[in-house]
Amino acid sequence: MKILIAIHLHTHASTKNHSFREKYRSAVYVFDGNLKECSNLISECQTTFDEKIITVVLPFKNFKSNTEEQHNYYQKNKEGGFCERYISPKLKIIEAEFVEYYTQI
């Protein structure tokens, strides 16, 4: 679980309070009530950041699937502007910093 949280924090602007933060919060959702454990893991990761992590831990409540055109978006649009600007740089971070867990998409 610690590796997944670390990857999330390093690839999802976990310290940035940008203009879309109200709509797109930085959060980790848990199914089994491990709110405290996840919060502790986020605190442990704080030492790898210069700014305060704003990511919160929340209980999972429900899931709403995206439209079909959004499914497998990266595989369908690797050359597209959004993928080039946002997704590919995140994959490069994972490949460089978490190489032992990286499987190329």
PDB file of N, CA and C in Angstrom:
ATOM      1  N   MET A   1       0.822  -1.192   0.000  1.00  0.00           N
ATOM      2  CA  MET A   1       0.000   0.000   0.000  1.00  0.00           C
ATOM      3  C   MET A   1       0.869   1.261   0.000  1.00  0.00           C
ATOM      4  N   LYS A   2       2.001   1.207   0.680  1.00  0.00           N
ATOM      5  CA  LYS A   2       2.871   2.382   0.763  1.00  0.00           C
ATOM      6  C   LYS A   2       3.363   2.811  -0.617  1.00  0.00           C
ATOM      7  N   ILE A   3       3.726   1.853  -1.462  1.00  0.00           N
ATOM      8  CA  ILE A   3       4.223   2.176  -2.806  1.00  0.00           C
ATOM      9  C   ILE A   3       3.116   2.828  -3.637  1.00  0.00           C
ATOM     10  N   LEU A   4       1.908   2.298  -3.575  1.00  0.00           N
ATOM     11  CA  LEU A   4       0.800   2.894  -4.334  1.00  0.00           C
ATOM     12  C   LEU A   4       0.536   4.333  -3.890  1.00  0.00           C
ATOM     13  N   ILE A   5       0.568   4.575  -2.598  1.00  0.00           N
ATOM     14  CA  ILE A   5       0.355   5.936  -2.097  1.00  0.00           C
ATOM     15  C   ILE A   5       1.494   6.837  -2.545  1.00  0.00           C
ATOM     16  N   ALA A   6       2.719   6.360  -2.464  1.00  0.00           N
ATOM     17  CA  ALA A   6       3.868   7.170  -2.898  1.00  0.00           C
ATOM     18  C   ALA A   6       3.761   7.519  -4.379  1.00  0.00           C
ATOM     19  N   ILE A   7       3.402   6.556  -5.203  1.00  0.00           N
ATOM     20  CA  ILE A   7       3.241   6.819  -6.637  1.00  0.00           C
ATOM     21  C   ILE A   7       2.140   7.851  -6.857  1.00  0.00           C
ATOM     22  N   HIS A   8       1.037   7.683  -6.173  1.00  0.00           N
ATOM     23  CA  HIS A   8      -0.063   8.651  -6.305  1.00  0.00           C
ATOM     24  C   HIS A   8       0.411  10.056  -5.923  1.00  0.00           C
ATOM     25  N   LEU A   9       1.072  10.178  -4.797  1.00  0.00           N
ATOM     26  CA  LEU A   9       1.509  11.499  -4.328  1.00  0.00           C
ATOM     27  C   LEU A   9       2.488  12.162  -5.291  1.00  0.00           C
ATOM     28  N   HIS A  10       3.364  11.371  -5.892  1.00  0.00           N
ATOM     29  CA  HIS A  10       4.389  11.927  -6.785  1.00  0.00           C
ATOM     30  C   HIS A  10       3.884  12.199  -8.198  1.00  0.00           C
ATOM     31  N   THR A  11       2.675  11.771  -8.516  1.00  0.00           N
ATOM     32  CA  THR A  11       2.178  11.960  -9.882  1.00  0.00           C
ATOM     33  C   THR A  11       0.863  12.729  -9.965  1.00  0.00           C
ATOM     34  N   HIS A  12       0.342  13.216  -8.854  1.00  0.00           N
ATOM     35  CA  HIS A  12      -0.968  13.866  -8.876  1.00  0.00           C
ATOM     36  C   HIS A  12      -1.010  15.226  -8.179  1.00  0.00           C
ATOM     37  N   ALA A  13      -0.008  16.036  -8.335  1.00  0.00           N
ATOM     38  CA  ALA A  13      -0.001  17.399  -7.783  1.00  0.00           C
ATOM     39  C   ALA A  13      -0.517  17.419  -6.350  1.00  0.00           C
ATOM     40  N   SER A  14       0.012  16.538  -5.532  1.00  0.00           N
ATOM     41  CA  SER A  14      -0.491  16.358  -4.173  1.00  0.00           C
ATOM     42  C   SER A  14      -0.168  17.512  -3.224  1.00  0.00           C
ATOM     43  N   THR A  15       0.606  18.480  -3.694  1.00  0.00           N
ATOM     44  CA  THR A  15       0.921  19.649  -2.853  1.00  0.00           C
ATOM     45  C   THR A  15       0.364  20.946  -3.435  1.00  0.00           C
ATOM     46  N   LYS A  16      -0.293  20.854  -4.552  1.00  0.00           N
ATOM     47  CA  LYS A  16      -0.745  22.060  -5.280  1.00  0.00           C
ATOM     48  C   LYS A  16      -2.210  22.360  -5.032  1.00  0.00           C
ATOM     49  N   ASN A  17      -2.489  23.587  -4.672  1.00  0.00           N
ATOM     50  CA  ASN A  17      -3.859  24.034  -4.479  1.00  0.00           C
ATOM     51  C   ASN A  17      -4.267  24.849  -5.695  1.00  0.00           C
ATOM     52  N   HIS A  18      -4.366  24.201  -6.853  1.00  0.00           N
ATOM     53  CA  HIS A  18      -4.638  24.868  -8.122  1.00  0.00           C
ATOM     54  C   HIS A  18      -6.115  25.238  -8.266  1.00  0.00           C
ATOM     55  N   SER A  19      -6.453  25.924  -9.335  1.00  0.00           N
ATOM     56  CA  SER A  19      -7.802  26.467  -9.528  1.00  0.00           C
ATOM     57  C   SER A  19      -8.886  25.393  -9.677  1.00  0.00           C
ATOM     58  N   PHE A  20      -8.515  24.168 -10.043  1.00  0.00           N
ATOM     59  CA  PHE A  20      -9.504  23.096 -10.179  1.00  0.00           C
ATOM     60  C   PHE A  20      -9.603  22.217  -8.934  1.00  0.00           C
ATOM     61  N   ARG A  21      -8.922  22.596  -7.857  1.00  0.00           N
ATOM     62  CA  ARG A  21      -8.872  21.748  -6.668  1.00  0.00           C
ATOM     63  C   ARG A  21     -10.253  21.516  -6.043  1.00  0.00           C
ATOM     64  N   GLU A  22     -11.148  22.475  -6.125  1.00  0.00           N
ATOM     65  CA  GLU A  22     -12.502  22.277  -5.594  1.00  0.00           C
ATOM     66  C   GLU A  22     -13.209  21.128  -6.312  1.00  0.00           C
ATOM     67  N   LYS A  23     -13.046  21.052  -7.611  1.00  0.00           N
ATOM     68  CA  LYS A  23     -13.708  20.007  -8.405  1.00  0.00           C
ATOM     69  C   LYS A  23     -12.916  18.700  -8.392  1.00  0.00           C
ATOM     70  N   TYR A  24     -11.587  18.799  -8.407  1.00  0.00           N
ATOM     71  CA  TYR A  24     -10.723  17.620  -8.481  1.00  0.00           C
ATOM     72  C   TYR A  24      -9.799  17.591  -7.273  1.00  0.00           C
ATOM     73  N   ARG A  25     -10.305  17.093  -6.168  1.00  0.00           N
ATOM     74  CA  ARG A  25      -9.484  17.055  -4.958  1.00  0.00           C
ATOM     75  C   ARG A  25      -8.418  15.975  -5.066  1.00  0.00           C
ATOM     76  N   SER A  26      -7.375  16.147  -4.320  1.00  0.00           N
ATOM     77  CA  SER A  26      -6.325  15.146  -4.232  1.00  0.00           C
ATOM     78  C   SER A  26      -6.691  14.238  -3.069  1.00  0.00           C
ATOM     79  N   ALA A  27      -7.055  12.999  -3.382  1.00  0.00           N
ATOM     80  CA  ALA A  27      -7.525  12.099  -2.333  1.00  0.00           C
ATOM     81  C   ALA A  27      -7.124  10.656  -2.602  1.00  0.00           C
ATOM     82  N   VAL A  28      -7.037   9.905  -1.529  1.00  0.00           N
ATOM     83  CA  VAL A  28      -6.867   8.461  -1.563  1.00  0.00           C
ATOM     84  C   VAL A  28      -8.125   7.902  -0.919  1.00  0.00           C
ATOM     85  N   TYR A  29      -8.783   6.988  -1.619  1.00  0.00           N
ATOM     86  CA  TYR A  29     -10.027   6.405  -1.121  1.00  0.00           C
ATOM     87  C   TYR A  29      -9.766   4.988  -0.633  1.00  0.00           C
ATOM     88  N   VAL A  30     -10.281   4.674   0.545  1.00  0.00           N
ATOM     89  CA  VAL A  30     -10.061   3.346   1.118  1.00  0.00           C
ATOM     90  C   VAL A  30     -11.388   2.610   1.281  1.00  0.00           C
ATOM     91  N   PHE A  31     -11.339   1.294   1.112  1.00  0.00           N
ATOM     92  CA  PHE A  31     -12.529   0.453   1.193  1.00  0.00           C
ATOM     93  C   PHE A  31     -12.745  -0.121   2.582  1.00  0.00           C
ATOM     94  N   ASP A  32     -11.689  -0.393   3.287  1.00  0.00           N
ATOM     95  CA  ASP A  32     -11.798  -1.209   4.494  1.00  0.00           C
ATOM     96  C   ASP A  32     -11.602  -0.451   5.802  1.00  0.00           C
ATOM     97  N   GLY A  33     -11.757   0.826   5.786  1.00  0.00           N
ATOM     98  CA  GLY A  33     -11.653   1.596   7.023  1.00  0.00           C
ATOM     99  C   GLY A  33     -10.241   1.879   7.487  1.00  0.00           C
ATOM    100  N   ASN A  34      -9.250   1.687   6.640  1.00  0.00           N
ATOM    101  CA  ASN A  34      -7.862   1.954   7.023  1.00  0.00           C
ATOM    102  C   ASN A  34      -7.497   3.420   6.850  1.00  0.00           C
ATOM    103  N   LEU A  35      -8.386   4.312   7.260  1.00  0.00           N
ATOM    104  CA  LEU A  35      -8.133   5.742   7.118  1.00  0.00           C
ATOM    105  C   LEU A  35      -6.858   6.152   7.852  1.00  0.00           C
ATOM    106  N   LYS A  36      -6.705   5.698   9.079  1.00  0.00           N
ATOM    107  CA  LYS A  36      -5.548   6.079   9.898  1.00  0.00           C
ATOM    108  C   LYS A  36      -4.249   5.549   9.288  1.00  0.00           C
ATOM    109  N   GLU A  37      -4.251   4.290   8.854  1.00  0.00           N
ATOM    110  CA  GLU A  37      -3.046   3.705   8.259  1.00  0.00           C
ATOM    111  C   GLU A  37      -2.622   4.485   7.014  1.00  0.00           C
ATOM    112  N   CYS A  38      -3.570   4.809   6.148  1.00  0.00           N
ATOM    113  CA  CYS A  38      -3.246   5.575   4.942  1.00  0.00           C
ATOM    114  C   CYS A  38      -2.769   6.981   5.286  1.00  0.00           C
ATOM    115  N   SER A  39      -3.399   7.606   6.249  1.00  0.00           N
ATOM    116  CA  SER A  39      -2.964   8.941   6.685  1.00  0.00           C
ATOM    117  C   SER A  39      -1.533   8.889   7.205  1.00  0.00           C
ATOM    118  N   ASN A  40      -1.208   7.848   7.946  1.00  0.00           N
ATOM    119  CA  ASN A  40       0.159   7.689   8.464  1.00  0.00           C
ATOM    120  C   ASN A  40       1.163   7.493   7.330  1.00  0.00           C
ATOM    121  N   LEU A  41       0.788   6.724   6.318  1.00  0.00           N
ATOM    122  CA  LEU A  41       1.679   6.506   5.174  1.00  0.00           C
ATOM    123  C   LEU A  41       1.903   7.806   4.403  1.00  0.00           C
ATOM    124  N   ILE A  42       0.868   8.610   4.265  1.00  0.00           N
ATOM    125  CA  ILE A  42       1.026   9.913   3.608  1.00  0.00           C
ATOM    126  C   ILE A  42       1.969  10.792   4.421  1.00  0.00           C
ATOM    127  N   SER A  43       1.818  10.771   5.733  1.00  0.00           N
ATOM    128  CA  SER A  43       2.714  11.555   6.602  1.00  0.00           C
ATOM    129  C   SER A  43       4.165  11.099   6.453  1.00  0.00           C
ATOM    130  N   GLU A  44       4.377   9.793   6.341  1.00  0.00           N
ATOM    131  CA  GLU A  44       5.732   9.265   6.138  1.00  0.00           C
ATOM    132  C   GLU A  44       6.333   9.762   4.823  1.00  0.00           C
ATOM    133  N   CYS A  45       5.508   9.913   3.806  1.00  0.00           N
ATOM    134  CA  CYS A  45       5.974  10.372   2.491  1.00  0.00           C
ATOM    135  C   CYS A  45       6.282  11.871   2.472  1.00  0.00           C
ATOM    136  N   GLN A  46       5.801  12.612   3.455  1.00  0.00           N
ATOM    137  CA  GLN A  46       5.981  14.064   3.482  1.00  0.00           C
ATOM    138  C   GLN A  46       7.458  14.462   3.368  1.00  0.00           C
ATOM    139  N   THR A  47       8.350  13.646   3.898  1.00  0.00           N
ATOM    140  CA  THR A  47       9.779  13.985   3.879  1.00  0.00           C
ATOM    141  C   THR A  47      10.349  14.063   2.459  1.00  0.00           C
ATOM    142  N   THR A  48       9.655  13.501   1.485  1.00  0.00           N
ATOM    143  CA  THR A  48      10.149  13.538   0.097  1.00  0.00           C
ATOM    144  C   THR A  48       9.605  14.735  -0.681  1.00  0.00           C
ATOM    145  N   PHE A  49       8.890  15.623  -0.002  1.00  0.00           N
ATOM    146  CA  PHE A  49       8.303  16.816  -0.622  1.00  0.00           C
ATOM    147  C   PHE A  49       8.758  18.072   0.102  1.00  0.00           C
ATOM    148  N   ASP A  50       8.972  19.138  -0.654  1.00  0.00           N
ATOM    149  CA  ASP A  50       9.315  20.428  -0.057  1.00  0.00           C
ATOM    150  C   ASP A  50       8.083  21.142   0.484  1.00  0.00           C
ATOM    151  N   GLU A  51       6.952  20.961  -0.191  1.00  0.00           N
ATOM    152  CA  GLU A  51       5.705  21.618   0.216  1.00  0.00           C
ATOM    153  C   GLU A  51       4.811  20.635   0.961  1.00  0.00           C
ATOM    154  N   LYS A  52       3.859  21.153   1.714  1.00  0.00           N
ATOM    155  CA  LYS A  52       2.935  20.315   2.482  1.00  0.00           C
ATOM    156  C   LYS A  52       2.004  19.540   1.556  1.00  0.00           C
ATOM    157  N   ILE A  53       1.868  18.263   1.812  1.00  0.00           N
ATOM    158  CA  ILE A  53       0.938  17.414   1.061  1.00  0.00           C
ATOM    159  C   ILE A  53      -0.488  17.764   1.491  1.00  0.00           C
ATOM    160  N   ILE A  54      -1.358  17.989   0.500  1.00  0.00           N
ATOM    161  CA  ILE A  54      -2.751  18.320   0.803  1.00  0.00           C
ATOM    162  C   ILE A  54      -3.702  17.157   0.509  1.00  0.00           C
ATOM    163  N   THR A  55      -3.170  16.052   0.069  1.00  0.00           N
ATOM    164  CA  THR A  55      -3.980  14.875  -0.231  1.00  0.00           C
ATOM    165  C   THR A  55      -4.675  14.392   1.043  1.00  0.00           C
ATOM    166  N   VAL A  56      -5.948  14.065   0.912  1.00  0.00           N
ATOM    167  CA  VAL A  56      -6.724  13.582   2.048  1.00  0.00           C
ATOM    168  C   VAL A  56      -7.075  12.112   1.849  1.00  0.00           C
ATOM    169  N   VAL A  57      -7.410  11.447   2.944  1.00  0.00           N
ATOM    170  CA  VAL A  57      -7.843  10.050   2.902  1.00  0.00           C
ATOM    171  C   VAL A  57      -9.329  10.033   3.221  1.00  0.00           C
ATOM    172  N   LEU A  58     -10.106   9.399   2.339  1.00  0.00           N
ATOM    173  CA  LEU A  58     -11.556   9.377   2.481  1.00  0.00           C
ATOM    174  C   LEU A  58     -12.087   7.955   2.320  1.00  0.00           C
ATOM    175  N   PRO A  59     -13.189   7.647   2.986  1.00  0.00           N
ATOM    176  CA  PRO A  59     -13.802   6.327   2.768  1.00  0.00           C
ATOM    177  C   PRO A  59     -14.447   6.268   1.387  1.00  0.00           C
ATOM    178  N   PHE A  60     -14.287   5.138   0.718  1.00  0.00           N
ATOM    179  CA  PHE A  60     -14.926   4.937  -0.580  1.00  0.00           C
ATOM    180  C   PHE A  60     -16.424   4.792  -0.374  1.00  0.00           C
ATOM    181  N   LYS A  61     -17.206   5.522  -1.178  1.00  0.00           N
ATOM    182  CA  LYS A  61     -18.666   5.445  -1.049  1.00  0.00           C
ATOM    183  C   LYS A  61     -19.324   4.868  -2.292  1.00  0.00           C
ATOM    184  N   ASN A  62     -18.970   5.370  -3.463  1.00  0.00           N
ATOM    185  CA  ASN A  62     -19.557   4.828  -4.686  1.00  0.00           C
ATOM    186  C   ASN A  62     -18.641   5.129  -5.868  1.00  0.00           C
ATOM    187  N   PHE A  63     -18.934   4.489  -6.978  1.00  0.00           N
ATOM    188  CA  PHE A  63     -18.112   4.631  -8.175  1.00  0.00           C
ATOM    189  C   PHE A  63     -19.015   4.937  -9.355  1.00  0.00           C
ATOM    190  N   LYS A  64     -18.630   5.915 -10.128  1.00  0.00           N
ATOM    191  CA  LYS A  64     -19.365   6.255 -11.347  1.00  0.00           C
ATOM    192  C   LYS A  64     -18.393   6.102 -12.518  1.00  0.00           C
ATOM    193  N   SER A  65     -18.677   5.175 -13.393  1.00  0.00           N
ATOM    194  CA  SER A  65     -17.804   4.910 -14.532  1.00  0.00           C
ATOM    195  C   SER A  65     -17.871   6.056 -15.548  1.00  0.00           C
ATOM    196  N   ASN A  66     -16.758   6.297 -16.189  1.00  0.00           N
ATOM    197  CA  ASN A  66     -16.715   7.277 -17.273  1.00  0.00           C
ATOM    198  C   ASN A  66     -17.460   6.753 -18.499  1.00  0.00           C
ATOM    199  N   THR A  67     -17.616   7.631 -19.471  1.00  0.00           N
ATOM    200  CA  THR A  67     -18.218   7.219 -20.732  1.00  0.00           C
ATOM    201  C   THR A  67     -17.262   6.274 -21.450  1.00  0.00           C
ATOM    202  N   GLU A  68     -17.771   5.503 -22.370  1.00  0.00           N
ATOM    203  CA  GLU A  68     -16.963   4.537 -23.111  1.00  0.00           C
ATOM    204  C   GLU A  68     -15.781   5.208 -23.816  1.00  0.00           C
ATOM    205  N   GLU A  69     -15.974   6.401 -24.345  1.00  0.00           N
ATOM    206  CA  GLU A  69     -14.875   7.067 -25.058  1.00  0.00           C
ATOM    207  C   GLU A  69     -13.712   7.423 -24.129  1.00  0.00           C
ATOM    208  N   GLN A  70     -13.966   7.512 -22.832  1.00  0.00           N
ATOM    209  CA  GLN A  70     -12.908   7.802 -21.867  1.00  0.00           C
ATOM    210  C   GLN A  70     -12.161   6.554 -21.402  1.00  0.00           C
ATOM    211  N   HIS A  71     -12.747   5.374 -21.597  1.00  0.00           N
ATOM    212  CA  HIS A  71     -12.085   4.129 -21.185  1.00  0.00           C
ATOM    213  C   HIS A  71     -10.830   3.917 -22.021  1.00  0.00           C
ATOM    214  N   ASN A  72      -9.749   3.529 -21.376  1.00  0.00           N
ATOM    215  CA  ASN A  72      -8.458   3.279 -22.037  1.00  0.00           C
ATOM    216  C   ASN A  72      -7.990   4.506 -22.823  1.00  0.00           C
ATOM    217  N   TYR A  73      -8.239   5.664 -22.267  1.00  0.00           N
ATOM    218  CA  TYR A  73      -7.967   6.920 -22.959  1.00  0.00           C
ATOM    219  C   TYR A  73      -6.510   7.030 -23.407  1.00  0.00           C
ATOM    220  N   TYR A  74      -5.585   6.698 -22.533  1.00  0.00           N
ATOM    221  CA  TYR A  74      -4.174   6.823 -22.889  1.00  0.00           C
ATOM    222  C   TYR A  74      -3.799   5.902 -24.051  1.00  0.00           C
ATOM    223  N   GLN A  75      -4.238   4.659 -23.995  1.00  0.00           N
ATOM    224  CA  GLN A  75      -3.916   3.724 -25.082  1.00  0.00           C
ATOM    225  C   GLN A  75      -4.469   4.208 -26.408  1.00  0.00           C
ATOM    226  N   LYS A  76      -5.613   4.868 -26.381  1.00  0.00           N
ATOM    227  CA  LYS A  76      -6.253   5.349 -27.607  1.00  0.00           C
ATOM    228  C   LYS A  76      -5.688   6.681 -28.100  1.00  0.00           C
ATOM    229  N   ASN A  77      -5.055   7.447 -27.221  1.00  0.00           N
ATOM    230  CA  ASN A  77      -4.674   8.830 -27.550  1.00  0.00           C
ATOM    231  C   ASN A  77      -3.259   9.205 -27.131  1.00  0.00           C
ATOM    232  N   LYS A  78      -2.317   8.283 -27.165  1.00  0.00           N
ATOM    233  CA  LYS A  78      -0.959   8.558 -26.679  1.00  0.00           C
ATOM    234  C   LYS A  78      -0.332   9.790 -27.324  1.00  0.00           C
ATOM    235  N   GLU A  79      -0.655  10.037 -28.572  1.00  0.00           N
ATOM    236  CA  GLU A  79      -0.073  11.169 -29.299  1.00  0.00           C
ATOM    237  C   GLU A  79      -0.855  12.469 -29.099  1.00  0.00           C
ATOM    238  N   GLY A  80      -1.990  12.398 -28.437  1.00  0.00           N
ATOM    239  CA  GLY A  80      -2.834  13.570 -28.235  1.00  0.00           C
ATOM    240  C   GLY A  80      -2.232  14.564 -27.257  1.00  0.00           C
ATOM    241  N   GLY A  81      -2.670  15.789 -27.345  1.00  0.00           N
ATOM    242  CA  GLY A  81      -2.140  16.869 -26.517  1.00  0.00           C
ATOM    243  C   GLY A  81      -2.259  16.622 -25.023  1.00  0.00           C
ATOM    244  N   PHE A  82      -3.423  16.169 -24.566  1.00  0.00           N
ATOM    245  CA  PHE A  82      -3.618  15.925 -23.135  1.00  0.00           C
ATOM    246  C   PHE A  82      -2.663  14.849 -22.641  1.00  0.00           C
ATOM    247  N   CYS A  83      -2.555  13.753 -23.384  1.00  0.00           N
ATOM    248  CA  CYS A  83      -1.669  12.658 -22.984  1.00  0.00           C
ATOM    249  C   CYS A  83      -0.213  13.104 -22.981  1.00  0.00           C
ATOM    250  N   GLU A  84       0.185  13.817 -24.010  1.00  0.00           N
ATOM    251  CA  GLU A  84       1.560  14.307 -24.094  1.00  0.00           C
ATOM    252  C   GLU A  84       1.888  15.263 -22.945  1.00  0.00           C
ATOM    253  N   ARG A  85       0.928  16.102 -22.596  1.00  0.00           N
ATOM    254  CA  ARG A  85       1.177  17.132 -21.585  1.00  0.00           C
ATOM    255  C   ARG A  85       1.043  16.616 -20.154  1.00  0.00           C
ATOM    256  N   TYR A  86       0.079  15.727 -19.891  1.00  0.00           N
ATOM    257  CA  TYR A  86      -0.207  15.333 -18.517  1.00  0.00           C
ATOM    258  C   TYR A  86       0.103  13.875 -18.176  1.00  0.00           C
ATOM    259  N   ILE A  87      -0.275  12.952 -19.026  1.00  0.00           N
ATOM    260  CA  ILE A  87      -0.140  11.542 -18.669  1.00  0.00           C
ATOM    261  C   ILE A  87       1.284  11.026 -18.902  1.00  0.00           C
ATOM    262  N   SER A  88       1.857  11.299 -20.056  1.00  0.00           N
ATOM    263  CA  SER A  88       3.215  10.806 -20.350  1.00  0.00           C
ATOM    264  C   SER A  88       4.245  11.275 -19.317  1.00  0.00           C
ATOM    265  N   PRO A  89       4.221  12.540 -18.874  1.00  0.00           N
ATOM    266  CA  PRO A  89       5.177  12.945 -17.828  1.00  0.00           C
ATOM    267  C   PRO A  89       4.998  12.165 -16.521  1.00  0.00           C
ATOM    268  N   LYS A  90       3.770  11.825 -16.179  1.00  0.00           N
ATOM    269  CA  LYS A  90       3.535  11.036 -14.967  1.00  0.00           C
ATOM    270  C   LYS A  90       4.114   9.631 -15.128  1.00  0.00           C
ATOM    271  N   LEU A  91       3.950   9.050 -16.306  1.00  0.00           N
ATOM    272  CA  LEU A  91       4.513   7.721 -16.549  1.00  0.00           C
ATOM    273  C   LEU A  91       6.035   7.758 -16.501  1.00  0.00           C
ATOM    274  N   LYS A  92       6.638   8.848 -16.948  1.00  0.00           N
ATOM    275  CA  LYS A  92       8.100   8.988 -16.879  1.00  0.00           C
ATOM    276  C   LYS A  92       8.574   9.052 -15.431  1.00  0.00           C
ATOM    277  N   ILE A  93       7.819   9.715 -14.567  1.00  0.00           N
ATOM    278  CA  ILE A  93       8.148   9.764 -13.142  1.00  0.00           C
ATOM    279  C   ILE A  93       8.105   8.360 -12.552  1.00  0.00           C
ATOM    280  N   ILE A  94       7.048   7.628 -12.868  1.00  0.00           N
ATOM    281  CA  ILE A  94       6.927   6.267 -12.348  1.00  0.00           C
ATOM    282  C   ILE A  94       8.070   5.399 -12.860  1.00  0.00           C
ATOM    283  N   GLU A  95       8.380   5.524 -14.139  1.00  0.00           N
ATOM    284  CA  GLU A  95       9.462   4.723 -14.722  1.00  0.00           C
ATOM    285  C   GLU A  95      10.808   5.054 -14.084  1.00  0.00           C
ATOM    286  N   ALA A  96      11.042   6.323 -13.787  1.00  0.00           N
ATOM    287  CA  ALA A  96      12.332   6.733 -13.223  1.00  0.00           C
ATOM    288  C   ALA A  96      12.440   6.457 -11.712  1.00  0.00           C
ATOM    289  N   GLU A  97      11.392   6.768 -10.970  1.00  0.00           N
ATOM    290  CA  GLU A  97      11.475   6.703  -9.514  1.00  0.00           C
ATOM    291  C   GLU A  97      10.956   5.398  -8.913  1.00  0.00           C
ATOM    292  N   PHE A  98      10.158   4.672  -9.675  1.00  0.00           N
ATOM    293  CA  PHE A  98       9.567   3.422  -9.171  1.00  0.00           C
ATOM    294  C   PHE A  98       9.775   2.323 -10.198  1.00  0.00           C
ATOM    295  N   VAL A  99      10.981   2.262 -10.748  1.00  0.00           N
ATOM    296  CA  VAL A  99      11.278   1.389 -11.870  1.00  0.00           C
ATOM    297  C   VAL A  99      10.949  -0.071 -11.588  1.00  0.00           C
ATOM    298  N   GLU A 100      11.143  -0.538 -10.364  1.00  0.00           N
ATOM    299  CA  GLU A 100      10.882  -1.940 -10.068  1.00  0.00           C
ATOM    300  C   GLU A 100       9.390  -2.296 -10.083  1.00  0.00           C
ATOM    301  N   TYR A 101       8.537  -1.275 -10.098  1.00  0.00           N
ATOM    302  CA  TYR A 101       7.087  -1.487 -10.128  1.00  0.00           C
ATOM    303  C   TYR A 101       6.474  -1.087 -11.476  1.00  0.00           C
ATOM    304  N   TYR A 102       7.306  -0.638 -12.391  1.00  0.00           N
ATOM    305  CA  TYR A 102       6.821  -0.087 -13.653  1.00  0.00           C
ATOM    306  C   TYR A 102       6.656  -1.167 -14.705  1.00  0.00           C
ATOM    307  N   THR A 103       5.494  -1.208 -15.322  1.00  0.00           N
ATOM    308  CA  THR A 103       5.227  -2.048 -16.481  1.00  0.00           C
ATOM    309  C   THR A 103       4.696  -1.089 -17.541  1.00  0.00           C
ATOM    310  N   GLN A 104       5.400  -0.963 -18.640  1.00  0.00           N
ATOM    311  CA  GLN A 104       5.006  -0.006 -19.665  1.00  0.00           C
ATOM    312  C   GLN A 104       3.601  -0.301 -20.189  1.00  0.00           C
ATOM    313  N   ILE A 105       2.828   0.760 -20.319  1.00  0.00           N
ATOM    314  CA  ILE A 105       1.447   0.652 -20.801  1.00  0.00           C
ATOM    315  C   ILE A 105       1.460   0.614 -22.315  1.00  0.00           C
TER     316      ILE A 105
END
